[in-house]
Amino acid sequence: MCSRSASSVAIGGGISAAEALLPAIQAELDWLFERCTVMPTVKPELVRCRYGNDANLIGALKLFFEQNPA
């Protein structure tokens, strides 16, 4: 059974640059993979975003240029 209280699993908003956030998320992933046998056997690698908060802006700019060629 893979039940856990929603308050201990839910994380509001997006992943920030806070150093303590990644270990907390990794601990939750480890907990899920240990107890939930229906999940895939390969765990994802959890890392900080290379571009941080600019990732969405970079993606939006790329999409804009793709939709609006010069």
Protein backbone atom coordinates (compact mmCIF):
# COMPACT_ATOMS: atom_id res chain seq x y z
CA MET A 1 0.00 0.00 0.00
CA CYS A 2 1.35 3.43 -0.94
CA SER A 3 -0.62 5.80 1.23
CA ARG A 4 0.86 8.72 3.06
CA SER A 5 -0.71 11.89 4.38
CA ALA A 6 -1.03 14.59 1.74
CA SER A 7 0.49 17.22 4.01
CA SER A 8 3.78 15.33 4.23
CA VAL A 9 4.06 14.82 0.46
CA ALA A 10 2.67 18.03 -1.06
CA ILE A 11 5.15 20.74 -2.03
CA GLY A 12 3.61 24.05 -3.04
CA GLY A 13 4.87 25.91 -6.08
CA GLY A 14 7.82 25.05 -8.25
CA ILE A 15 11.23 23.76 -7.28
CA SER A 16 13.30 26.68 -6.00
CA ALA A 17 17.01 27.08 -5.58
CA ALA A 18 16.73 26.34 -1.85
CA GLU A 19 19.46 23.88 -0.92
CA ALA A 20 17.27 22.01 1.59
CA LEU A 21 14.52 21.33 -0.95
CA LEU A 22 16.30 18.74 -3.12
CA PRO A 23 17.19 16.40 -0.23
CA ALA A 24 13.58 16.62 1.02
CA ILE A 25 12.22 15.71 -2.41
CA GLN A 26 14.81 12.93 -2.77
CA ALA A 27 13.73 11.51 0.59
CA GLU A 28 10.11 11.43 -0.59
CA LEU A 29 11.13 9.70 -3.84
CA ASP A 30 13.18 7.15 -1.91
CA TRP A 31 10.21 6.52 0.39
CA LEU A 32 7.90 5.98 -2.60
CA PHE A 33 10.27 3.65 -4.45
CA GLU A 34 10.86 1.56 -1.31
CA ARG A 35 7.17 1.04 -0.61
CA CYS A 36 5.39 1.17 -3.97
CA THR A 37 6.15 -1.94 -5.98
CA VAL A 38 4.02 -0.85 -8.96
CA MET A 39 6.37 2.03 -9.79
CA PRO A 40 9.14 1.59 -12.38
CA THR A 41 12.33 0.02 -11.05
CA VAL A 42 14.59 2.81 -12.35
CA LYS A 43 14.60 5.85 -10.09
CA PRO A 44 14.93 9.26 -11.75
CA GLU A 45 18.01 11.33 -10.98
CA LEU A 46 17.00 14.45 -9.09
CA VAL A 47 19.19 17.48 -9.84
CA ARG A 48 18.86 21.26 -9.73
CA CYS A 49 17.82 22.94 -12.94
CA ARG A 50 20.83 24.17 -14.90
CA TYR A 51 19.18 27.49 -15.70
CA GLY A 52 17.34 27.98 -12.40
CA ASN A 53 14.44 30.42 -12.51
CA ASP A 54 15.34 31.48 -16.06
CA ALA A 55 14.35 28.07 -17.50
CA ASN A 56 10.74 29.10 -18.22
CA LEU A 57 11.85 32.38 -19.79
CA ILE A 58 14.37 30.62 -22.02
CA GLY A 59 11.72 28.11 -23.13
CA ALA A 60 9.18 30.87 -23.82
CA LEU A 61 11.72 32.83 -25.86
CA LYS A 62 12.63 29.73 -27.89
CA LEU A 63 8.96 29.04 -28.60
CA PHE A 64 8.41 32.68 -29.61
CA PHE A 65 11.26 32.56 -32.13
CA GLU A 66 10.01 29.23 -33.50
CA GLN A 67 6.50 30.62 -34.03
CA ASN A 68 7.70 34.00 -35.34
CA PRO A 69 10.61 33.47 -37.73
CA ALA A 70 12.49 36.61 -38.78
